[in-house]
Each structure stands twice: as structure tokens, then as C-alpha cells.
Amino acid sequence: MKTITSQKPYEEILQQLESGSRVFLVGCGTCATVLQTGGIEQVLEIKEKLQESGFLVTGWTVIPTACDEMTAATARDHESEIQGANGILVMACALGVQRLNMYLDKPVLPALDTLFIGLEEHPGYFMEACAQCGQCILGYTAGVCPVTACHKGLLNGPCGGTNKGKCEVDQERDCAFTLIYNRLKEQDRLDLMKHYYPPRDAQVLPRPRVKILDKKEIEQWV
């Protein structure tokens, strides 16, 4: 499972930075490295481009995992280089940006756009696996999520546009409900296809979403 990102256009990155400012660069050794959006090679490429554009790069690093507590240690290890910068340009997912922002009092700027949480179906090919809707029905759909696997996000399907098991929006893509049907048939649970699912409640998890552990749960992690 990976957080899927894409690099922002260079012009948009420049818009976030003050002209001629000093920048510290941060990449991520996990998802962004796999996606080739924020690994060592990409960080060095941005470093060179920024220097050519008149920016001073005070330093750079690639955190093994930018979205966890390792960012705090990295901030301490590179304190002098970070303090010499006007801003921190982060080549990691939005979680990495927000995590760094917790520890730094300088502008923390994203160089990437975060797209979705993806499951690698085969090398280099990622499909959105979960929309984190808070109302999981995978137990009724044989592990195939219609919210993400269906172009229309239907809970009750298929729609009238499915043709020979393919989606009318993308004819190269299997219809989500054909996949659900086939898996339920293999499991001898086709009766679940008759089940009606009411519209999802958009307020089931009001934003910002929170999860608060009780004292007993916290003690299990300490």
C-alpha cells in the first residue's frame, strides 16, 4: 500500500517560494521514492533546477519515512541548515508536509500533490484501494470496493452502461460489479447481489476526522 503522489509543475513550486530565497529540501525514502517523485534522484534534480533559478539550497535530506516520528529526529539533525533557510520544500505526501510542520516554525511547502492511497496490482501499477469513507461494505462485496473500483462510485450496480463486463467510462477497465459478481459466485454468496445499500451518510465522520484512543488502548502502545 502506497500514498500516490505526483510532482507539482515547476512553475507552481516557484510560486510558493520567495524569489531568490534560501531553501532546504526534504524527500521521502518510502512512497515518494517508489513513485519516483521524492527520492534522492528527484531531490537532487529539484536542487539543481532551483540553483539555476537563483535559489540558494542550504541543504537536503531524504527521510526514511517522512510521515512518522522520524521527521523530528531529522529536523534536529539538520537544524543549522534548516535555520539558514527561508522555507522547507517537501517532496513527500501531504502527511509528510504536515508532520514536518509540527516541528518547524518556518514555511513548509509541498512540492508534490497527494492523489490517493494505492494498492500495487503489479510492478509500477497502482489502483486506488480505499476512499476511507468510514462505511465499509467489503464484507458484502467480496472484498471489491465499489466506491473506488466503480468510476461512478455506485453502491448498487451495475449501471446500464456496462458492456461485456467492461465499464462504459473506461472500456479497458473491468466493471466493478462484474468483479463483485464473479467473486461472490465463486464464494456461493450471490444472494448478496440482491441487497440494497442506502446512500452513504456524508456526515458519518465529520471533517476533520478524528480517532481518540481510550486509556487502555494507549497503554497497549506504550
C-alpha atoms as a PDB file:
ATOM      1  CA  MET A   1       0.000   0.000   0.000  1.00  0.00           C
ATOM      2  CA  LYS A   2       1.446   3.358  -1.022  1.00  0.00           C
ATOM      3  CA  THR A   3       0.471   7.017  -0.906  1.00  0.00           C
ATOM      4  CA  ILE A   4       0.376   8.014  -4.576  1.00  0.00           C
ATOM      5  CA  THR A   5       1.836  11.413  -5.424  1.00  0.00           C
ATOM      6  CA  SER A   6       2.758  13.426  -8.478  1.00  0.00           C
ATOM      7  CA  GLN A   7       5.210  16.285  -8.706  1.00  0.00           C
ATOM      8  CA  LYS A   8       3.737  19.746  -8.982  1.00  0.00           C
ATOM      9  CA  PRO A   9       4.604  21.752 -12.104  1.00  0.00           C
ATOM     10  CA  TYR A  10       7.866  23.575 -11.510  1.00  0.00           C
ATOM     11  CA  GLU A  11       6.136  26.937 -12.048  1.00  0.00           C
ATOM     12  CA  GLU A  12       3.750  26.172  -9.191  1.00  0.00           C
ATOM     13  CA  ILE A  13       6.652  25.251  -6.939  1.00  0.00           C
ATOM     14  CA  LEU A  14       8.301  28.565  -7.733  1.00  0.00           C
ATOM     15  CA  GLN A  15       5.096  30.440  -6.886  1.00  0.00           C
ATOM     16  CA  GLN A  16       5.300  29.124  -3.324  1.00  0.00           C
ATOM     17  CA  LEU A  17       8.875  30.321  -2.867  1.00  0.00           C
ATOM     18  CA  GLU A  18      10.087  33.857  -2.403  1.00  0.00           C
ATOM     19  CA  SER A  19      12.272  34.967  -5.284  1.00  0.00           C
ATOM     20  CA  GLY A  20      15.943  34.335  -4.525  1.00  0.00           C
ATOM     21  CA  SER A  21      15.156  32.779  -1.151  1.00  0.00           C
ATOM     22  CA  ARG A  22      17.062  30.069   0.681  1.00  0.00           C
ATOM     23  CA  VAL A  23      15.506  26.615   0.615  1.00  0.00           C
ATOM     24  CA  PHE A  24      16.016  23.347   2.471  1.00  0.00           C
ATOM     25  CA  LEU A  25      14.831  20.230   0.608  1.00  0.00           C
ATOM     26  CA  VAL A  26      13.219  17.136   2.112  1.00  0.00           C
ATOM     27  CA  GLY A  27      12.381  13.897   0.313  1.00  0.00           C
ATOM     28  CA  CYS A  28      10.846  10.632   1.465  1.00  0.00           C
ATOM     29  CA  GLY A  29      12.530   7.254   1.273  1.00  0.00           C
ATOM     30  CA  THR A  30       9.289   5.284   1.212  1.00  0.00           C
ATOM     31  CA  CYS A  31       6.309   6.015  -1.037  1.00  0.00           C
ATOM     32  CA  ALA A  32       7.783   9.022  -2.858  1.00  0.00           C
ATOM     33  CA  THR A  33      10.949   7.079  -3.624  1.00  0.00           C
ATOM     34  CA  VAL A  34       8.973   4.150  -5.043  1.00  0.00           C
ATOM     35  CA  LEU A  35       6.853   6.543  -7.134  1.00  0.00           C
ATOM     36  CA  GLN A  36       9.995   8.446  -8.182  1.00  0.00           C
ATOM     37  CA  THR A  37       8.514  11.736  -7.034  1.00  0.00           C
ATOM     38  CA  GLY A  38      10.662  12.418  -3.970  1.00  0.00           C
ATOM     39  CA  GLY A  39      13.610  10.069  -3.759  1.00  0.00           C
ATOM     40  CA  ILE A  40      17.280  11.055  -3.786  1.00  0.00           C
ATOM     41  CA  GLU A  41      17.393  11.436  -7.569  1.00  0.00           C
ATOM     42  CA  GLN A  42      14.330  13.685  -7.687  1.00  0.00           C
ATOM     43  CA  VAL A  43      15.535  15.802  -4.753  1.00  0.00           C
ATOM     44  CA  LEU A  44      18.853  16.385  -6.495  1.00  0.00           C
ATOM     45  CA  GLU A  45      17.072  17.280  -9.738  1.00  0.00           C
ATOM     46  CA  ILE A  46      14.974  19.931  -7.955  1.00  0.00           C
ATOM     47  CA  LYS A  47      18.083  21.153  -6.147  1.00  0.00           C
ATOM     48  CA  GLU A  48      19.834  21.749  -9.453  1.00  0.00           C
ATOM     49  CA  LYS A  49      16.818  23.467 -11.008  1.00  0.00           C
ATOM     50  CA  LEU A  50      16.373  25.762  -8.032  1.00  0.00           C
ATOM     51  CA  GLN A  51      20.037  26.740  -8.067  1.00  0.00           C
ATOM     52  CA  GLU A  52      19.774  27.513 -11.780  1.00  0.00           C
ATOM     53  CA  SER A  53      16.761  29.706 -10.933  1.00  0.00           C
ATOM     54  CA  GLY A  54      18.775  31.721  -8.428  1.00  0.00           C
ATOM     55  CA  PHE A  55      17.811  29.994  -5.192  1.00  0.00           C
ATOM     56  CA  LEU A  56      20.266  29.010  -2.501  1.00  0.00           C
ATOM     57  CA  VAL A  57      19.743  25.448  -1.304  1.00  0.00           C
ATOM     58  CA  THR A  58      21.014  25.326   2.264  1.00  0.00           C
ATOM     59  CA  GLY A  59      20.836  21.532   2.420  1.00  0.00           C
ATOM     60  CA  TRP A  60      18.761  18.482   1.671  1.00  0.00           C
ATOM     61  CA  THR A  61      17.816  15.122   3.097  1.00  0.00           C
ATOM     62  CA  VAL A  62      15.629  12.121   2.331  1.00  0.00           C
ATOM     63  CA  ILE A  63      13.850  10.911   5.450  1.00  0.00           C
ATOM     64  CA  PRO A  64      13.351   7.122   5.506  1.00  0.00           C
ATOM     65  CA  THR A  65       9.662   7.679   6.269  1.00  0.00           C
ATOM     66  CA  ALA A  66       8.599  11.318   6.185  1.00  0.00           C
ATOM     67  CA  CYS A  67       5.150  10.833   7.683  1.00  0.00           C
ATOM     68  CA  ASP A  68       6.177   9.451  11.075  1.00  0.00           C
ATOM     69  CA  GLU A  69       8.196  10.481  14.125  1.00  0.00           C
ATOM     70  CA  MET A  70      11.479  10.180  12.192  1.00  0.00           C
ATOM     71  CA  THR A  71      10.848  13.718  10.954  1.00  0.00           C
ATOM     72  CA  ALA A  72      11.526  15.101  14.426  1.00  0.00           C
ATOM     73  CA  ALA A  73      14.957  13.484  14.536  1.00  0.00           C
ATOM     74  CA  THR A  74      15.692  14.713  11.018  1.00  0.00           C
ATOM     75  CA  ALA A  75      14.740  18.264  11.980  1.00  0.00           C
ATOM     76  CA  ARG A  76      17.192  18.116  14.868  1.00  0.00           C
ATOM     77  CA  ASP A  77      19.978  16.600  12.763  1.00  0.00           C
ATOM     78  CA  HIS A  78      19.699  19.353  10.147  1.00  0.00           C
ATOM     79  CA  GLU A  79      18.831  22.206  12.492  1.00  0.00           C
ATOM     80  CA  SER A  80      21.542  24.610  11.300  1.00  0.00           C
ATOM     81  CA  GLU A  81      20.744  24.051   7.602  1.00  0.00           C
ATOM     82  CA  ILE A  82      17.021  24.447   8.257  1.00  0.00           C
ATOM     83  CA  GLN A  83      17.548  27.607  10.277  1.00  0.00           C
ATOM     84  CA  GLY A  84      19.533  29.035   7.369  1.00  0.00           C
ATOM     85  CA  ALA A  85      16.591  28.582   5.032  1.00  0.00           C
ATOM     86  CA  ASN A  86      13.544  30.764   4.449  1.00  0.00           C
ATOM     87  CA  GLY A  87      11.375  27.765   3.687  1.00  0.00           C
ATOM     88  CA  ILE A  88      11.295  23.965   3.580  1.00  0.00           C
ATOM     89  CA  LEU A  89      10.320  22.351   0.284  1.00  0.00           C
ATOM     90  CA  VAL A  90       8.967  18.853   0.897  1.00  0.00           C
ATOM     91  CA  MET A  91       8.937  16.126  -1.746  1.00  0.00           C
ATOM     92  CA  ALA A  92       6.658  13.808   0.207  1.00  0.00           C
ATOM     93  CA  CYS A  93       2.943  13.242   0.587  1.00  0.00           C
ATOM     94  CA  ALA A  94       0.691  15.684   2.434  1.00  0.00           C
ATOM     95  CA  LEU A  95       1.191  13.660   5.622  1.00  0.00           C
ATOM     96  CA  GLY A  96       4.923  14.313   5.411  1.00  0.00           C
ATOM     97  CA  VAL A  97       4.321  18.027   4.888  1.00  0.00           C
ATOM     98  CA  GLN A  98       2.013  18.220   7.890  1.00  0.00           C
ATOM     99  CA  ARG A  99       4.323  16.138  10.054  1.00  0.00           C
ATOM    100  CA  LEU A 100       7.277  18.447   9.352  1.00  0.00           C
ATOM    101  CA  ASN A 101       5.078  21.456  10.005  1.00  0.00           C
ATOM    102  CA  MET A 102       4.576  20.150  13.547  1.00  0.00           C
ATOM    103  CA  TYR A 103       8.281  20.548  14.342  1.00  0.00           C
ATOM    104  CA  LEU A 104       9.328  23.639  12.375  1.00  0.00           C
ATOM    105  CA  ASP A 105       8.478  27.313  12.716  1.00  0.00           C
ATOM    106  CA  LYS A 106       9.301  28.056   9.081  1.00  0.00           C
ATOM    107  CA  PRO A 107       7.071  27.746   5.998  1.00  0.00           C
ATOM    108  CA  VAL A 108       6.774  24.073   4.990  1.00  0.00           C
ATOM    109  CA  LEU A 109       5.833  23.870   1.317  1.00  0.00           C
ATOM    110  CA  PRO A 110       4.656  20.874  -0.740  1.00  0.00           C
ATOM    111  CA  ALA A 111       6.448  20.022  -3.975  1.00  0.00           C
ATOM    112  CA  LEU A 112       4.029  17.150  -4.636  1.00  0.00           C
ATOM    113  CA  ASP A 113       0.298  16.651  -4.993  1.00  0.00           C
ATOM    114  CA  THR A 114      -1.149  13.757  -2.996  1.00  0.00           C
ATOM    115  CA  LEU A 115      -3.549  11.759  -5.170  1.00  0.00           C
ATOM    116  CA  PHE A 116      -4.756   8.646  -3.345  1.00  0.00           C
ATOM    117  CA  ILE A 117      -3.873   5.563  -1.318  1.00  0.00           C
ATOM    118  CA  GLY A 118      -2.951   2.895  -3.855  1.00  0.00           C
ATOM    119  CA  LEU A 119      -2.523  -0.853  -3.935  1.00  0.00           C
ATOM    120  CA  GLU A 120       0.189  -2.145  -6.278  1.00  0.00           C
ATOM    121  CA  GLU A 121      -1.581  -4.696  -8.504  1.00  0.00           C
ATOM    122  CA  HIS A 122       1.605  -5.441 -10.435  1.00  0.00           C
ATOM    123  CA  PRO A 123       5.007  -3.707 -10.552  1.00  0.00           C
ATOM    124  CA  GLY A 124       4.558   0.006 -11.172  1.00  0.00           C
ATOM    125  CA  TYR A 125       0.750  -0.123 -11.459  1.00  0.00           C
ATOM    126  CA  PHE A 126      -1.247   1.295  -8.551  1.00  0.00           C
ATOM    127  CA  MET A 127      -5.008   1.306  -8.106  1.00  0.00           C
ATOM    128  CA  GLU A 128      -6.907   3.341  -5.527  1.00  0.00           C
ATOM    129  CA  ALA A 129      -7.740   0.848  -2.812  1.00  0.00           C
ATOM    130  CA  CYS A 130      -9.723   2.783  -0.222  1.00  0.00           C
ATOM    131  CA  ALA A 131     -11.549   6.105  -0.051  1.00  0.00           C
ATOM    132  CA  GLN A 132     -11.631   5.874   3.759  1.00  0.00           C
ATOM    133  CA  CYS A 133     -15.377   6.564   3.724  1.00  0.00           C
ATOM    134  CA  GLY A 134     -15.990   5.173   7.211  1.00  0.00           C
ATOM    135  CA  GLN A 135     -18.826   2.912   5.978  1.00  0.00           C
ATOM    136  CA  CYS A 136     -17.062  -0.219   4.742  1.00  0.00           C
ATOM    137  CA  ILE A 137     -19.160  -2.791   2.857  1.00  0.00           C
ATOM    138  CA  LEU A 138     -16.317  -5.044   1.688  1.00  0.00           C
ATOM    139  CA  GLY A 139     -17.858  -7.933   3.595  1.00  0.00           C
ATOM    140  CA  TYR A 140     -20.852  -7.815   1.253  1.00  0.00           C
ATOM    141  CA  THR A 141     -18.935  -7.160  -1.964  1.00  0.00           C
ATOM    142  CA  ALA A 142     -16.336  -9.925  -1.743  1.00  0.00           C
ATOM    143  CA  GLY A 143     -13.524  -7.534  -0.923  1.00  0.00           C
ATOM    144  CA  VAL A 144     -14.053  -5.333  -4.008  1.00  0.00           C
ATOM    145  CA  CYS A 145     -14.802  -1.723  -3.052  1.00  0.00           C
ATOM    146  CA  PRO A 146     -17.454  -0.231  -5.379  1.00  0.00           C
ATOM    147  CA  VAL A 147     -16.698   3.271  -4.099  1.00  0.00           C
ATOM    148  CA  THR A 148     -13.206   3.153  -5.601  1.00  0.00           C
ATOM    149  CA  ALA A 149     -13.472   0.370  -8.208  1.00  0.00           C
ATOM    150  CA  CYS A 150     -16.547   1.863  -9.915  1.00  0.00           C
ATOM    151  CA  HIS A 151     -15.972   5.050 -11.933  1.00  0.00           C
ATOM    152  CA  LYS A 152     -19.338   6.340 -10.703  1.00  0.00           C
ATOM    153  CA  GLY A 153     -18.832   5.214  -7.114  1.00  0.00           C
ATOM    154  CA  LEU A 154     -22.106   3.287  -7.161  1.00  0.00           C
ATOM    155  CA  LEU A 155     -23.149   1.185  -4.193  1.00  0.00           C
ATOM    156  CA  ASN A 156     -25.890  -0.584  -6.140  1.00  0.00           C
ATOM    157  CA  GLY A 157     -24.997  -1.748  -9.618  1.00  0.00           C
ATOM    158  CA  PRO A 158     -24.128  -2.380 -12.265  1.00  0.00           C
ATOM    159  CA  CYS A 159     -25.306   0.698 -14.143  1.00  0.00           C
ATOM    160  CA  GLY A 160     -26.923   0.452 -17.573  1.00  0.00           C
ATOM    161  CA  GLY A 161     -23.672   1.256 -19.347  1.00  0.00           C
ATOM    162  CA  THR A 162     -21.708  -1.861 -18.506  1.00  0.00           C
ATOM    163  CA  ASN A 163     -20.886  -3.873 -21.637  1.00  0.00           C
ATOM    164  CA  LYS A 164     -19.461  -7.407 -21.641  1.00  0.00           C
ATOM    165  CA  GLY A 165     -18.032  -6.864 -18.201  1.00  0.00           C
ATOM    166  CA  LYS A 166     -16.344  -3.571 -19.044  1.00  0.00           C
ATOM    167  CA  CYS A 167     -17.006  -0.036 -17.812  1.00  0.00           C
ATOM    168  CA  GLU A 168     -18.633   2.489 -20.160  1.00  0.00           C
ATOM    169  CA  VAL A 169     -16.402   5.270 -18.820  1.00  0.00           C
ATOM    170  CA  ASP A 170     -13.198   3.296 -19.435  1.00  0.00           C
ATOM    171  CA  GLN A 171     -13.704   0.331 -21.750  1.00  0.00           C
ATOM    172  CA  GLU A 172     -10.294  -1.058 -20.799  1.00  0.00           C
ATOM    173  CA  ARG A 173     -11.398  -1.345 -17.193  1.00  0.00           C
ATOM    174  CA  ASP A 174     -13.434  -4.175 -15.693  1.00  0.00           C
ATOM    175  CA  CYS A 175     -16.838  -3.201 -14.348  1.00  0.00           C
ATOM    176  CA  ALA A 176     -16.631  -3.217 -10.549  1.00  0.00           C
ATOM    177  CA  PHE A 177     -19.890  -5.113 -10.260  1.00  0.00           C
ATOM    178  CA  THR A 178     -18.742  -7.769 -12.701  1.00  0.00           C
ATOM    179  CA  LEU A 179     -15.766  -8.313 -10.413  1.00  0.00           C
ATOM    180  CA  ILE A 180     -18.063  -8.399  -7.395  1.00  0.00           C
ATOM    181  CA  TYR A 181     -20.457 -10.802  -9.117  1.00  0.00           C
ATOM    182  CA  ASN A 182     -17.707 -13.212 -10.139  1.00  0.00           C
ATOM    183  CA  ARG A 183     -16.126 -13.287  -6.686  1.00  0.00           C
ATOM    184  CA  LEU A 184     -19.473 -13.726  -4.914  1.00  0.00           C
ATOM    185  CA  LYS A 185     -20.345 -16.527  -7.345  1.00  0.00           C
ATOM    186  CA  GLU A 186     -17.086 -18.320  -6.506  1.00  0.00           C
ATOM    187  CA  GLN A 187     -17.949 -17.964  -2.816  1.00  0.00           C
ATOM    188  CA  ASP A 188     -21.546 -19.140  -3.336  1.00  0.00           C
ATOM    189  CA  ARG A 189     -22.852 -15.838  -1.949  1.00  0.00           C
ATOM    190  CA  LEU A 190     -24.643 -14.395  -4.986  1.00  0.00           C
ATOM    191  CA  ASP A 191     -27.695 -13.646  -2.858  1.00  0.00           C
ATOM    192  CA  LEU A 192     -25.787 -10.577  -1.604  1.00  0.00           C
ATOM    193  CA  MET A 193     -26.127  -9.017  -5.067  1.00  0.00           C
ATOM    194  CA  LYS A 194     -29.829  -8.510  -4.264  1.00  0.00           C
ATOM    195  CA  HIS A 195     -29.040  -6.441  -1.199  1.00  0.00           C
ATOM    196  CA  TYR A 196     -29.840  -2.718  -1.429  1.00  0.00           C
ATOM    197  CA  TYR A 197     -27.357  -0.283   0.080  1.00  0.00           C
ATOM    198  CA  PRO A 198     -28.773   3.128   1.074  1.00  0.00           C
ATOM    199  CA  PRO A 199     -26.848   6.275   0.075  1.00  0.00           C
ATOM    200  CA  ARG A 200     -23.753   6.827   2.140  1.00  0.00           C
ATOM    201  CA  ASP A 201     -24.012   9.274   5.021  1.00  0.00           C
ATOM    202  CA  ALA A 202     -21.556  12.057   4.236  1.00  0.00           C
ATOM    203  CA  GLN A 203     -21.635  13.122   7.890  1.00  0.00           C
ATOM    204  CA  VAL A 204     -20.799   9.741   9.402  1.00  0.00           C
ATOM    205  CA  LEU A 205     -17.290  11.064  10.006  1.00  0.00           C
ATOM    206  CA  PRO A 206     -17.485  14.883  10.023  1.00  0.00           C
ATOM    207  CA  ARG A 207     -14.294  16.587   8.954  1.00  0.00           C
ATOM    208  CA  PRO A 208     -11.742  16.916  10.292  1.00  0.00           C
ATOM    209  CA  ARG A 209     -11.961  13.208  11.105  1.00  0.00           C
ATOM    210  CA  VAL A 210     -10.624  12.146  14.478  1.00  0.00           C
ATOM    211  CA  LYS A 211      -9.926   8.887  16.290  1.00  0.00           C
ATOM    212  CA  ILE A 212      -9.346   9.096  20.020  1.00  0.00           C
ATOM    213  CA  LEU A 213      -7.908   6.081  21.818  1.00  0.00           C
ATOM    214  CA  ASP A 214      -9.031   5.383  25.350  1.00  0.00           C
ATOM    215  CA  LYS A 215      -6.524   4.999  28.176  1.00  0.00           C
ATOM    216  CA  LYS A 216      -6.428   1.195  27.874  1.00  0.00           C
ATOM    217  CA  GLU A 217      -5.709   1.342  24.155  1.00  0.00           C
ATOM    218  CA  ILE A 218      -2.940   3.901  24.651  1.00  0.00           C
ATOM    219  CA  GLU A 219      -1.286   1.742  27.294  1.00  0.00           C
ATOM    220  CA  GLN A 220      -1.046  -1.103  24.793  1.00  0.00           C
ATOM    221  CA  TRP A 221       1.188   1.063  22.595  1.00  0.00           C
ATOM    222  CA  VAL A 222       3.408   2.435  25.354  1.00  0.00           C
END
